Amino acid sequence: MENIKNVAVLYGGSSAEREVSLKSGRGVAKGLSDLGIKSTLFDFSNLNNFSQLQDFDISFIALHGHEGEGGLLQKTLDSKNIKYTGSDEVACSKTWNKRICKELLFKENINTPKWVSIDNLKNYIDSNSIEQSYQTLVKKLGKSMFLKPSEDGSSIDIFKIDSFGSFKEAILNCSNINREFILEESINGREITVGIIKDKCLPAIEIQTKNVFYNYEAKYLSDETNLKEADISNAQKKKIQKMALSAFNTLGCKGWARVDFMQDIDGEFYIIEINTAPGMTSHSLIPMAASFLGISYPQVIKDIINASI
């Protein structure tokens, strides 16, 4: 970190999480200032010349959605020998695609909910009746499931399905069904997330929301979402941390990430997804988890950079 004097902060972009990314980027820039480090903010929407990033010691990726987590940005930065925070192109592409992520977890015997992959939801519905499609999925996953695009963030086009009616409604309300989706078994229980910085787990956080699940509204708009340190036993802490690190390493992640879980009524943990560029607003999950250990926001930024170089 001693050699890091000037940092480019990549933020903004065009994804549905733009506003959150703007807050993350501004927070990172302020945190760097508190550390006595110069920084320049670059809105990804206006970034046309990546070569200008070569003038900085490292680029801090505070960019959410496909632009920051899909892998193309990392590929571009690597091609220009530009250092950056977080995982590389390969790991990002694995975690961004929910099907690939779940296949790799399953292969390593890491718990993840059952799922069915559909190459193209529109073609699937067109080639079968909606009712036939639904009944086939119920046989494989049970009556309660989630419809999720394989590649998207911010809970876009994610729907909870617990009846044929809600299945039809989900299909009708999807913004784009002409792409790959997964149908995933619904796990009833607690939502818990574990942050990782340099192969070390932060305290687990439980997410309590009155929404059907932790969607965009629950994350960023609702005043009724409650975040707290997860009340789990020491044995459960060891188990969830071991699972989080196993997933982190299985997918080849680097630097930092956040692993999202469900815990069922029997106490079993299931990995839902892995985020390679988590939020860094003052109320985001990673800074909050670090605060439980007495780690300040600027120190979190310092730790992320150290973990990435």
C-alpha atoms as a PDB file:
ATOM      1  CA  MET A   1       0.000   0.000   0.000  1.00  0.00           C
ATOM      2  CA  GLU A   2       3.000   2.277   0.515  1.00  0.00           C
ATOM      3  CA  ASN A   3       3.407   2.489  -3.270  1.00  0.00           C
ATOM      4  CA  ILE A   4      -0.218   3.498  -3.822  1.00  0.00           C
ATOM      5  CA  LYS A   5      -0.310   7.299  -4.077  1.00  0.00           C
ATOM      6  CA  ASN A   6      -2.942   7.953  -6.745  1.00  0.00           C
ATOM      7  CA  VAL A   7      -6.091   5.893  -7.381  1.00  0.00           C
ATOM      8  CA  ALA A   8      -8.645   5.913 -10.201  1.00  0.00           C
ATOM      9  CA  VAL A   9     -12.133   5.168  -8.858  1.00  0.00           C
ATOM     10  CA  LEU A  10     -14.434   3.620 -11.481  1.00  0.00           C
ATOM     11  CA  TYR A  11     -18.105   4.175 -10.697  1.00  0.00           C
ATOM     12  CA  GLY A  12     -21.501   5.035 -12.173  1.00  0.00           C
ATOM     13  CA  GLY A  13     -22.084   3.243 -15.454  1.00  0.00           C
ATOM     14  CA  SER A  14     -25.413   2.443 -17.067  1.00  0.00           C
ATOM     15  CA  SER A  15     -26.737  -0.483 -15.017  1.00  0.00           C
ATOM     16  CA  ALA A  16     -29.822  -0.353 -12.814  1.00  0.00           C
ATOM     17  CA  GLU A  17     -27.423  -0.001  -9.876  1.00  0.00           C
ATOM     18  CA  ARG A  18     -25.946   3.264 -11.205  1.00  0.00           C
ATOM     19  CA  GLU A  19     -27.165   5.401  -8.287  1.00  0.00           C
ATOM     20  CA  VAL A  20     -25.750   2.959  -5.759  1.00  0.00           C
ATOM     21  CA  SER A  21     -22.476   2.830  -7.659  1.00  0.00           C
ATOM     22  CA  LEU A  22     -22.245   6.627  -7.618  1.00  0.00           C
ATOM     23  CA  LYS A  23     -22.592   6.538  -3.817  1.00  0.00           C
ATOM     24  CA  SER A  24     -20.036   3.716  -3.576  1.00  0.00           C
ATOM     25  CA  GLY A  25     -17.525   5.622  -5.700  1.00  0.00           C
ATOM     26  CA  ARG A  26     -17.912   8.861  -3.782  1.00  0.00           C
ATOM     27  CA  GLY A  27     -17.530   6.955  -0.519  1.00  0.00           C
ATOM     28  CA  VAL A  28     -14.346   5.273  -1.740  1.00  0.00           C
ATOM     29  CA  ALA A  29     -12.914   8.613  -2.917  1.00  0.00           C
ATOM     30  CA  LYS A  30     -13.600  10.188   0.484  1.00  0.00           C
ATOM     31  CA  GLY A  31     -12.123   7.171   2.269  1.00  0.00           C
ATOM     32  CA  LEU A  32      -8.968   7.434   0.168  1.00  0.00           C
ATOM     33  CA  SER A  33      -8.753  11.136   1.001  1.00  0.00           C
ATOM     34  CA  ASP A  34      -8.985  10.259   4.692  1.00  0.00           C
ATOM     35  CA  LEU A  35      -6.027   7.923   4.132  1.00  0.00           C
ATOM     36  CA  GLY A  36      -4.056  10.747   2.509  1.00  0.00           C
ATOM     37  CA  ILE A  37      -4.270   9.178  -0.946  1.00  0.00           C
ATOM     38  CA  LYS A  38      -5.192  11.129  -4.077  1.00  0.00           C
ATOM     39  CA  SER A  39      -8.010   9.839  -6.255  1.00  0.00           C
ATOM     40  CA  THR A  40      -9.950  10.729  -9.383  1.00  0.00           C
ATOM     41  CA  LEU A  41     -13.523   9.608 -10.051  1.00  0.00           C
ATOM     42  CA  PHE A  42     -14.319   8.215 -13.507  1.00  0.00           C
ATOM     43  CA  ASP A  43     -17.956   7.702 -14.457  1.00  0.00           C
ATOM     44  CA  PHE A  44     -17.838   4.562 -16.576  1.00  0.00           C
ATOM     45  CA  SER A  45     -20.546   5.963 -18.845  1.00  0.00           C
ATOM     46  CA  ASN A  46     -18.085   8.654 -19.977  1.00  0.00           C
ATOM     47  CA  LEU A  47     -14.895   6.606 -19.956  1.00  0.00           C
ATOM     48  CA  ASN A  48     -13.801   6.317 -23.595  1.00  0.00           C
ATOM     49  CA  ASN A  49     -10.050   6.065 -23.193  1.00  0.00           C
ATOM     50  CA  PHE A  50      -8.838   3.357 -20.814  1.00  0.00           C
ATOM     51  CA  SER A  51      -5.224   4.326 -21.415  1.00  0.00           C
ATOM     52  CA  GLN A  52      -5.649   7.351 -19.134  1.00  0.00           C
ATOM     53  CA  LEU A  53      -6.004   4.888 -16.246  1.00  0.00           C
ATOM     54  CA  GLN A  54      -2.361   3.901 -16.770  1.00  0.00           C
ATOM     55  CA  ASP A  55      -1.392   7.153 -15.042  1.00  0.00           C
ATOM     56  CA  PHE A  56      -2.728   5.780 -11.736  1.00  0.00           C
ATOM     57  CA  ASP A  57      -1.247   3.228  -9.346  1.00  0.00           C
ATOM     58  CA  ILE A  58      -4.465   1.181  -9.273  1.00  0.00           C
ATOM     59  CA  SER A  59      -8.112   1.394 -10.330  1.00  0.00           C
ATOM     60  CA  PHE A  60     -10.683   0.802  -7.605  1.00  0.00           C
ATOM     61  CA  ILE A  61     -13.745  -0.851  -9.179  1.00  0.00           C
ATOM     62  CA  ALA A  62     -16.823   0.575  -7.448  1.00  0.00           C
ATOM     63  CA  LEU A  63     -18.883  -0.268 -10.509  1.00  0.00           C
ATOM     64  CA  HIS A  64     -21.838  -2.617 -10.079  1.00  0.00           C
ATOM     65  CA  GLY A  65     -23.798  -4.743 -12.537  1.00  0.00           C
ATOM     66  CA  HIS A  66     -22.477  -6.301 -15.742  1.00  0.00           C
ATOM     67  CA  GLU A  67     -20.062  -3.420 -16.414  1.00  0.00           C
ATOM     68  CA  GLY A  68     -18.198  -3.933 -13.151  1.00  0.00           C
ATOM     69  CA  GLU A  69     -18.762  -7.626 -12.490  1.00  0.00           C
ATOM     70  CA  GLY A  70     -19.192  -9.353 -15.854  1.00  0.00           C
ATOM     71  CA  GLY A  71     -15.487  -9.675 -16.667  1.00  0.00           C
ATOM     72  CA  LEU A  72     -15.137  -7.520 -19.797  1.00  0.00           C
ATOM     73  CA  LEU A  73     -13.816  -4.533 -17.825  1.00  0.00           C
ATOM     74  CA  GLN A  74     -11.223  -6.736 -16.137  1.00  0.00           C
ATOM     75  CA  LYS A  75     -10.183  -8.190 -19.515  1.00  0.00           C
ATOM     76  CA  THR A  76      -9.701  -4.680 -20.902  1.00  0.00           C
ATOM     77  CA  LEU A  77      -7.685  -3.521 -17.891  1.00  0.00           C
ATOM     78  CA  ASP A  78      -5.476  -6.623 -18.031  1.00  0.00           C
ATOM     79  CA  SER A  79      -4.805  -6.029 -21.733  1.00  0.00           C
ATOM     80  CA  LYS A  80      -3.410  -2.600 -20.841  1.00  0.00           C
ATOM     81  CA  ASN A  81      -1.509  -3.811 -17.746  1.00  0.00           C
ATOM     82  CA  ILE A  82      -3.656  -1.658 -15.486  1.00  0.00           C
ATOM     83  CA  LYS A  83      -3.886  -2.842 -11.879  1.00  0.00           C
ATOM     84  CA  TYR A  84      -7.362  -3.019 -10.352  1.00  0.00           C
ATOM     85  CA  THR A  85      -9.191  -4.223  -7.268  1.00  0.00           C
ATOM     86  CA  GLY A  86     -10.986  -7.535  -7.072  1.00  0.00           C
ATOM     87  CA  SER A  87     -11.244 -10.623  -9.235  1.00  0.00           C
ATOM     88  CA  ASP A  88      -9.995 -11.102 -12.786  1.00  0.00           C
ATOM     89  CA  GLU A  89     -11.974 -11.642 -15.984  1.00  0.00           C
ATOM     90  CA  VAL A  90     -12.249 -15.418 -15.570  1.00  0.00           C
ATOM     91  CA  ALA A  91     -13.538 -15.351 -11.997  1.00  0.00           C
ATOM     92  CA  CYS A  92     -15.962 -12.508 -12.754  1.00  0.00           C
ATOM     93  CA  SER A  93     -17.430 -14.339 -15.750  1.00  0.00           C
ATOM     94  CA  LYS A  94     -17.952 -17.431 -13.580  1.00  0.00           C
ATOM     95  CA  THR A  95     -19.671 -15.593 -10.746  1.00  0.00           C
ATOM     96  CA  TRP A  96     -21.722 -13.273 -12.988  1.00  0.00           C
ATOM     97  CA  ASN A  97     -23.373 -16.205 -14.785  1.00  0.00           C
ATOM     98  CA  LYS A  98     -25.613 -17.869 -12.197  1.00  0.00           C
ATOM     99  CA  ARG A  99     -25.759 -21.177 -14.088  1.00  0.00           C
ATOM    100  CA  ILE A 100     -21.974 -21.476 -14.399  1.00  0.00           C
ATOM    101  CA  CYS A 101     -21.526 -20.411 -10.766  1.00  0.00           C
ATOM    102  CA  LYS A 102     -23.986 -23.042  -9.510  1.00  0.00           C
ATOM    103  CA  GLU A 103     -22.511 -25.762 -11.725  1.00  0.00           C
ATOM    104  CA  LEU A 104     -19.037 -25.132 -10.298  1.00  0.00           C
ATOM    105  CA  LEU A 105     -20.327 -25.060  -6.715  1.00  0.00           C
ATOM    106  CA  PHE A 106     -22.273 -28.284  -7.269  1.00  0.00           C
ATOM    107  CA  LYS A 107     -19.216 -29.971  -8.777  1.00  0.00           C
ATOM    108  CA  GLU A 108     -17.264 -29.197  -5.583  1.00  0.00           C
ATOM    109  CA  ASN A 109     -20.116 -30.399  -3.330  1.00  0.00           C
ATOM    110  CA  ILE A 110     -20.790 -26.888  -2.045  1.00  0.00           C
ATOM    111  CA  ASN A 111     -24.450 -26.518  -1.100  1.00  0.00           C
ATOM    112  CA  THR A 112     -26.572 -24.478  -3.515  1.00  0.00           C
ATOM    113  CA  PRO A 113     -30.339 -24.759  -4.127  1.00  0.00           C
ATOM    114  CA  LYS A 114     -31.540 -27.137  -6.863  1.00  0.00           C
ATOM    115  CA  TRP A 115     -32.054 -25.468 -10.231  1.00  0.00           C
ATOM    116  CA  VAL A 116     -33.104 -25.936 -13.830  1.00  0.00           C
ATOM    117  CA  SER A 117     -31.347 -24.031 -16.635  1.00  0.00           C
ATOM    118  CA  ILE A 118     -33.273 -22.750 -19.648  1.00  0.00           C
ATOM    119  CA  ASP A 119     -31.178 -21.547 -22.595  1.00  0.00           C
ATOM    120  CA  ASN A 120     -33.887 -19.190 -23.825  1.00  0.00           C
ATOM    121  CA  LEU A 121     -37.064 -18.651 -21.807  1.00  0.00           C
ATOM    122  CA  LYS A 122     -39.093 -17.412 -24.777  1.00  0.00           C
ATOM    123  CA  ASN A 123     -38.253 -20.472 -26.869  1.00  0.00           C
ATOM    124  CA  TYR A 124     -38.946 -22.741 -23.901  1.00  0.00           C
ATOM    125  CA  ILE A 125     -42.421 -21.277 -23.384  1.00  0.00           C
ATOM    126  CA  ASP A 126     -43.123 -21.277 -27.139  1.00  0.00           C
ATOM    127  CA  SER A 127     -42.195 -24.944 -27.520  1.00  0.00           C
ATOM    128  CA  ASN A 128     -44.308 -26.050 -24.542  1.00  0.00           C
ATOM    129  CA  SER A 129     -47.543 -24.718 -23.124  1.00  0.00           C
ATOM    130  CA  ILE A 130     -47.074 -22.423 -20.121  1.00  0.00           C
ATOM    131  CA  GLU A 131     -48.987 -24.893 -17.945  1.00  0.00           C
ATOM    132  CA  GLN A 132     -46.914 -27.856 -19.150  1.00  0.00           C
ATOM    133  CA  SER A 133     -43.718 -25.888 -18.535  1.00  0.00           C
ATOM    134  CA  TYR A 134     -44.844 -25.044 -15.013  1.00  0.00           C
ATOM    135  CA  GLN A 135     -45.816 -28.625 -14.129  1.00  0.00           C
ATOM    136  CA  THR A 136     -42.456 -29.927 -15.383  1.00  0.00           C
ATOM    137  CA  LEU A 137     -40.608 -27.418 -13.201  1.00  0.00           C
ATOM    138  CA  VAL A 138     -42.726 -28.219 -10.134  1.00  0.00           C
ATOM    139  CA  LYS A 139     -41.800 -31.909 -10.462  1.00  0.00           C
ATOM    140  CA  LYS A 140     -38.113 -31.001 -10.422  1.00  0.00           C
ATOM    141  CA  LEU A 141     -38.030 -28.126  -7.921  1.00  0.00           C
ATOM    142  CA  GLY A 142     -41.219 -28.231  -5.865  1.00  0.00           C
ATOM    143  CA  LYS A 143     -44.048 -25.708  -5.833  1.00  0.00           C
ATOM    144  CA  SER A 144     -41.980 -22.796  -4.519  1.00  0.00           C
ATOM    145  CA  MET A 145     -39.186 -21.477  -6.766  1.00  0.00           C
ATOM    146  CA  PHE A 146     -37.477 -18.366  -8.138  1.00  0.00           C
ATOM    147  CA  LEU A 147     -37.196 -17.293 -11.750  1.00  0.00           C
ATOM    148  CA  LYS A 148     -33.842 -15.565 -12.364  1.00  0.00           C
ATOM    149  CA  PRO A 149     -31.952 -14.396 -15.466  1.00  0.00           C
ATOM    150  CA  SER A 150     -28.602 -16.155 -15.669  1.00  0.00           C
ATOM    151  CA  GLU A 151     -26.844 -12.837 -16.119  1.00  0.00           C
ATOM    152  CA  ASP A 152     -28.165  -9.698 -14.465  1.00  0.00           C
ATOM    153  CA  GLY A 153     -27.903  -7.767 -11.230  1.00  0.00           C
ATOM    154  CA  SER A 154     -30.071  -5.666  -8.951  1.00  0.00           C
ATOM    155  CA  SER A 155     -32.709  -8.399  -8.747  1.00  0.00           C
ATOM    156  CA  ILE A 156     -33.938  -7.463 -12.250  1.00  0.00           C
ATOM    157  CA  ASP A 157     -36.436 -10.000 -13.650  1.00  0.00           C
ATOM    158  CA  ILE A 158     -36.301 -12.091 -10.472  1.00  0.00           C
ATOM    159  CA  PHE A 159     -39.685 -13.402  -9.376  1.00  0.00           C
ATOM    160  CA  LYS A 160     -40.892 -15.616  -6.542  1.00  0.00           C
ATOM    161  CA  ILE A 161     -43.206 -18.325  -7.915  1.00  0.00           C
ATOM    162  CA  ASP A 162     -45.524 -20.383  -5.718  1.00  0.00           C
ATOM    163  CA  SER A 163     -48.456 -21.065  -8.048  1.00  0.00           C
ATOM    164  CA  PHE A 164     -49.319 -21.413 -11.727  1.00  0.00           C
ATOM    165  CA  GLY A 165     -50.801 -17.912 -11.565  1.00  0.00           C
ATOM    166  CA  SER A 166     -47.594 -16.384 -10.245  1.00  0.00           C
ATOM    167  CA  PHE A 167     -45.623 -18.287 -12.905  1.00  0.00           C
ATOM    168  CA  LYS A 168     -47.752 -16.771 -15.682  1.00  0.00           C
ATOM    169  CA  GLU A 169     -47.477 -13.339 -14.078  1.00  0.00           C
ATOM    170  CA  ALA A 170     -43.680 -13.644 -13.864  1.00  0.00           C
ATOM    171  CA  ILE A 171     -43.432 -14.507 -17.557  1.00  0.00           C
ATOM    172  CA  LEU A 172     -45.653 -11.556 -18.481  1.00  0.00           C
ATOM    173  CA  ASN A 173     -43.732  -9.104 -16.265  1.00  0.00           C
ATOM    174  CA  CYS A 174     -40.228 -10.092 -17.387  1.00  0.00           C
ATOM    175  CA  SER A 175     -38.546  -7.209 -19.175  1.00  0.00           C
ATOM    176  CA  ASN A 176     -36.704  -9.623 -21.469  1.00  0.00           C
ATOM    177  CA  ILE A 177     -37.519 -13.341 -21.756  1.00  0.00           C
ATOM    178  CA  ASN A 178     -35.413 -13.798 -24.890  1.00  0.00           C
ATOM    179  CA  ARG A 179     -32.322 -14.913 -22.930  1.00  0.00           C
ATOM    180  CA  GLU A 180     -31.018 -17.574 -20.566  1.00  0.00           C
ATOM    181  CA  PHE A 181     -32.770 -18.067 -17.218  1.00  0.00           C
ATOM    182  CA  ILE A 182     -32.566 -20.418 -14.280  1.00  0.00           C
ATOM    183  CA  LEU A 183     -35.443 -21.659 -12.132  1.00  0.00           C
ATOM    184  CA  GLU A 184     -34.175 -22.174  -8.596  1.00  0.00           C
ATOM    185  CA  GLU A 185     -35.653 -24.034  -5.652  1.00  0.00           C
ATOM    186  CA  SER A 186     -36.880 -21.622  -2.985  1.00  0.00           C
ATOM    187  CA  ILE A 187     -35.230 -22.079   0.415  1.00  0.00           C
ATOM    188  CA  ASN A 188     -37.408 -20.842   3.254  1.00  0.00           C
ATOM    189  CA  GLY A 189     -35.446 -19.382   6.123  1.00  0.00           C
ATOM    190  CA  ARG A 190     -32.931 -16.642   6.875  1.00  0.00           C
ATOM    191  CA  GLU A 191     -30.931 -14.551   4.404  1.00  0.00           C
ATOM    192  CA  ILE A 192     -27.309 -14.256   5.500  1.00  0.00           C
ATOM    193  CA  THR A 193     -24.284 -12.758   3.762  1.00  0.00           C
ATOM    194  CA  VAL A 194     -20.549 -13.162   4.381  1.00  0.00           C
ATOM    195  CA  GLY A 195     -17.939 -10.672   3.184  1.00  0.00           C
ATOM    196  CA  ILE A 196     -14.410 -11.767   2.366  1.00  0.00           C
ATOM    197  CA  ILE A 197     -11.277  -9.618   2.167  1.00  0.00           C
ATOM    198  CA  LYS A 198      -7.967 -11.354   1.386  1.00  0.00           C
ATOM    199  CA  ASP A 199      -9.086 -14.868   2.296  1.00  0.00           C
ATOM    200  CA  LYS A 200     -10.521 -13.742   5.633  1.00  0.00           C
ATOM    201  CA  CYS A 201     -14.218 -13.709   6.444  1.00  0.00           C
ATOM    202  CA  LEU A 202     -15.954 -10.755   8.034  1.00  0.00           C
ATOM    203  CA  PRO A 203     -18.771 -11.384  10.522  1.00  0.00           C
ATOM    204  CA  ALA A 204     -21.915 -12.806   8.906  1.00  0.00           C
ATOM    205  CA  ILE A 205     -24.829 -10.389   8.525  1.00  0.00           C
ATOM    206  CA  GLU A 206     -28.487 -11.381   8.576  1.00  0.00           C
ATOM    207  CA  ILE A 207     -30.830  -9.501   6.259  1.00  0.00           C
ATOM    208  CA  GLN A 208     -34.374  -9.117   7.538  1.00  0.00           C
ATOM    209  CA  THR A 209     -36.920  -7.723   5.078  1.00  0.00           C
ATOM    210  CA  LYS A 210     -40.688  -7.642   4.790  1.00  0.00           C
ATOM    211  CA  ASN A 211     -40.332  -7.938   1.020  1.00  0.00           C
ATOM    212  CA  VAL A 212     -40.677 -11.353  -0.613  1.00  0.00           C
ATOM    213  CA  PHE A 213     -36.882 -11.400  -0.884  1.00  0.00           C
ATOM    214  CA  TYR A 214     -33.906  -9.000  -0.728  1.00  0.00           C
ATOM    215  CA  ASN A 215     -34.703  -7.269  -4.009  1.00  0.00           C
ATOM    216  CA  TYR A 216     -33.785  -3.784  -5.278  1.00  0.00           C
ATOM    217  CA  GLU A 217     -36.515  -2.119  -3.212  1.00  0.00           C
ATOM    218  CA  ALA A 218     -35.466  -3.942  -0.039  1.00  0.00           C
ATOM    219  CA  LYS A 219     -31.781  -3.122  -0.659  1.00  0.00           C
ATOM    220  CA  TYR A 220     -32.031   0.540  -1.528  1.00  0.00           C
ATOM    221  CA  LEU A 221     -35.507   1.992  -0.977  1.00  0.00           C
ATOM    222  CA  SER A 222     -37.270   0.334   1.938  1.00  0.00           C
ATOM    223  CA  ASP A 223     -36.992   1.703   5.474  1.00  0.00           C
ATOM    224  CA  GLU A 224     -38.114  -1.663   6.816  1.00  0.00           C
ATOM    225  CA  THR A 225     -35.019  -3.668   5.862  1.00  0.00           C
ATOM    226  CA  ASN A 226     -33.024  -4.577   8.967  1.00  0.00           C
ATOM    227  CA  LEU A 227     -29.365  -5.600   8.870  1.00  0.00           C
ATOM    228  CA  LYS A 228     -27.680  -7.085  11.916  1.00  0.00           C
ATOM    229  CA  GLU A 229     -24.846  -9.398  12.873  1.00  0.00           C
ATOM    230  CA  ALA A 230     -26.168 -12.916  12.385  1.00  0.00           C
ATOM    231  CA  ASP A 231     -27.113 -14.677  15.604  1.00  0.00           C
ATOM    232  CA  ILE A 232     -25.648 -18.091  14.838  1.00  0.00           C
ATOM    233  CA  SER A 233     -23.668 -20.582  16.921  1.00  0.00           C
ATOM    234  CA  ASN A 234     -19.878 -20.824  16.782  1.00  0.00           C
ATOM    235  CA  ALA A 235     -20.202 -24.105  14.897  1.00  0.00           C
ATOM    236  CA  GLN A 236     -22.480 -22.451  12.349  1.00  0.00           C
ATOM    237  CA  LYS A 237     -20.076 -19.506  12.017  1.00  0.00           C
ATOM    238  CA  LYS A 238     -17.236 -21.897  11.218  1.00  0.00           C
ATOM    239  CA  LYS A 239     -19.412 -23.762   8.742  1.00  0.00           C
ATOM    240  CA  ILE A 240     -20.663 -20.706   6.855  1.00  0.00           C
ATOM    241  CA  GLN A 241     -17.177 -19.178   6.741  1.00  0.00           C
ATOM    242  CA  LYS A 242     -15.713 -22.431   5.420  1.00  0.00           C
ATOM    243  CA  MET A 243     -18.403 -22.551   2.718  1.00  0.00           C
ATOM    244  CA  ALA A 244     -17.831 -18.913   1.786  1.00  0.00           C
ATOM    245  CA  LEU A 245     -14.067 -19.386   1.436  1.00  0.00           C
ATOM    246  CA  SER A 246     -14.529 -22.645  -0.489  1.00  0.00           C
ATOM    247  CA  ALA A 247     -16.815 -20.878  -2.960  1.00  0.00           C
ATOM    248  CA  PHE A 248     -14.425 -17.896  -3.195  1.00  0.00           C
ATOM    249  CA  ASN A 249     -11.511 -20.197  -4.033  1.00  0.00           C
ATOM    250  CA  THR A 250     -13.481 -22.582  -6.259  1.00  0.00           C
ATOM    251  CA  LEU A 251     -14.484 -19.695  -8.504  1.00  0.00           C
ATOM    252  CA  GLY A 252     -10.984 -18.217  -8.490  1.00  0.00           C
ATOM    253  CA  CYS A 253     -11.938 -14.958  -6.787  1.00  0.00           C
ATOM    254  CA  LYS A 254      -9.294 -12.504  -5.655  1.00  0.00           C
ATOM    255  CA  GLY A 255      -9.108  -9.542  -3.303  1.00  0.00           C
ATOM    256  CA  TRP A 256     -12.625  -9.342  -1.982  1.00  0.00           C
ATOM    257  CA  ALA A 257     -16.177 -10.535  -2.547  1.00  0.00           C
ATOM    258  CA  ARG A 258     -19.504 -11.103  -0.829  1.00  0.00           C
ATOM    259  CA  VAL A 259     -21.161 -14.524  -0.630  1.00  0.00           C
ATOM    260  CA  ASP A 260     -24.943 -14.594  -0.166  1.00  0.00           C
ATOM    261  CA  PHE A 261     -26.629 -17.489   1.629  1.00  0.00           C
ATOM    262  CA  MET A 262     -29.985 -18.858   2.687  1.00  0.00           C
ATOM    263  CA  GLN A 263     -30.252 -20.861   5.894  1.00  0.00           C
ATOM    264  CA  ASP A 264     -33.203 -23.253   5.982  1.00  0.00           C
ATOM    265  CA  ILE A 265     -35.305 -24.150   9.021  1.00  0.00           C
ATOM    266  CA  ASP A 266     -33.025 -27.141   9.710  1.00  0.00           C
ATOM    267  CA  GLY A 267     -29.977 -24.892   9.900  1.00  0.00           C
ATOM    268  CA  GLU A 268     -28.449 -25.901   6.559  1.00  0.00           C
ATOM    269  CA  PHE A 269     -26.718 -23.201   4.502  1.00  0.00           C
ATOM    270  CA  TYR A 270     -27.128 -22.771   0.737  1.00  0.00           C
ATOM    271  CA  ILE A 271     -25.100 -20.394  -1.433  1.00  0.00           C
ATOM    272  CA  ILE A 272     -27.284 -18.200  -3.625  1.00  0.00           C
ATOM    273  CA  GLU A 273     -24.667 -16.083  -5.383  1.00  0.00           C
ATOM    274  CA  ILE A 274     -21.276 -14.399  -5.181  1.00  0.00           C
ATOM    275  CA  ASN A 275     -20.699 -10.667  -5.766  1.00  0.00           C
ATOM    276  CA  THR A 276     -17.231  -9.625  -6.947  1.00  0.00           C
ATOM    277  CA  ALA A 277     -17.828  -5.835  -6.689  1.00  0.00           C
ATOM    278  CA  PRO A 278     -20.094  -5.390  -3.648  1.00  0.00           C
ATOM    279  CA  GLY A 279     -21.584  -2.072  -2.617  1.00  0.00           C
ATOM    280  CA  MET A 280     -19.362   0.377  -0.764  1.00  0.00           C
ATOM    281  CA  THR A 281     -21.850   2.973   0.433  1.00  0.00           C
ATOM    282  CA  SER A 282     -21.713   3.903   4.100  1.00  0.00           C
ATOM    283  CA  HIS A 283     -24.604   1.498   4.727  1.00  0.00           C
ATOM    284  CA  SER A 284     -23.400  -1.370   2.534  1.00  0.00           C
ATOM    285  CA  LEU A 285     -22.904  -4.876   3.885  1.00  0.00           C
ATOM    286  CA  ILE A 286     -19.087  -5.098   3.648  1.00  0.00           C
ATOM    287  CA  PRO A 287     -18.344  -1.862   5.574  1.00  0.00           C
ATOM    288  CA  MET A 288     -21.044  -2.784   8.094  1.00  0.00           C
ATOM    289  CA  ALA A 289     -19.579  -6.246   8.698  1.00  0.00           C
ATOM    290  CA  ALA A 290     -16.107  -4.744   9.108  1.00  0.00           C
ATOM    291  CA  SER A 291     -17.437  -2.256  11.647  1.00  0.00           C
ATOM    292  CA  PHE A 292     -18.401  -5.168  13.921  1.00  0.00           C
ATOM    293  CA  LEU A 293     -14.653  -5.851  14.184  1.00  0.00           C
ATOM    294  CA  GLY A 294     -13.857  -2.195  14.820  1.00  0.00           C
ATOM    295  CA  ILE A 295     -12.521  -1.703  11.282  1.00  0.00           C
ATOM    296  CA  SER A 296     -13.181   1.787   9.905  1.00  0.00           C
ATOM    297  CA  TYR A 297     -14.464   2.508   6.395  1.00  0.00           C
ATOM    298  CA  PRO A 298     -11.092   3.925   5.184  1.00  0.00           C
ATOM    299  CA  GLN A 299      -9.322   0.874   6.588  1.00  0.00           C
ATOM    300  CA  VAL A 300     -11.699  -1.399   4.624  1.00  0.00           C
ATOM    301  CA  ILE A 301     -10.655   0.415   1.431  1.00  0.00           C
ATOM    302  CA  LYS A 302      -7.001   0.017   2.369  1.00  0.00           C
ATOM    303  CA  ASP A 303      -7.512  -3.688   3.085  1.00  0.00           C
ATOM    304  CA  ILE A 304      -9.277  -4.228  -0.277  1.00  0.00           C
ATOM    305  CA  ILE A 305      -6.437  -2.554  -2.162  1.00  0.00           C
ATOM    306  CA  ASN A 306      -3.814  -4.519  -0.232  1.00  0.00           C
ATOM    307  CA  ALA A 307      -5.699  -7.735  -0.954  1.00  0.00           C
ATOM    308  CA  SER A 308      -5.727  -6.942  -4.673  1.00  0.00           C
ATOM    309  CA  ILE A 309      -2.078  -6.045  -5.293  1.00  0.00           C
END
